[in-house]
Amino acid sequence: MGRQALSILVENTPNVLSHVSGLFSRRGYNIDSITAGVTADPRFTRITIVSSGDEMILEQIEKQLAKLEDVIDIKKLKDGESVCRELILIKISAKPSQRQPLISIAEIFKAKIVDVTNDSMMIELIGSQSKLDAFLELLGEYEILELARTGITGLNRGTSDVRMFD
């Protein structure tokens, strides 16, 4: 079973995300992660989808997406050829005596402490999925009160595959 990240450039129209995600639900494809946002050109939205399946299913996903009317361009985000990041916010139960070890762990991962209260801390971390997973593993002995992950977003390196649209 493989995983594939796709960067999909679509027209910025109402219901475009619904059309794309609807294709996955109609076909029974799995979405591991999905993010979307308007690009530098407000006519377009970039959707990043991470999906899993065997090679044939991943190929079918790409072909079916290409058939959608709103889809302008699809790029595979391959390891080593792209930069992919994810954001995580973690609220941890932390009494004053527990804060220094948490701050030390955060510093190692270049995470930011974004909120502190009498009984909790909130940490923000941006990085690869494996970096975030390693960070969470180190927090195993702490009580995580809440956690939010954005999902992966990414772009291919360099300019060789950049297309301009009129």
Foldseek 3Di string as FASTA:
>chain_A
DDKWKKKWKFFPDPCPVVVLVVVCVVVVWDWPAWDKDADPDNRIMIIITMTDDDPVVVVVSVVVVVPDPGTDDMDIADPPFKAKKKKKKWKWFDAPVRPVVVVVLCVVQVWDFDDDDRTITIIMHMGDPVSVVVSVVVCVVTHTPDMDMRGMDMDGDDDPPDDDDD
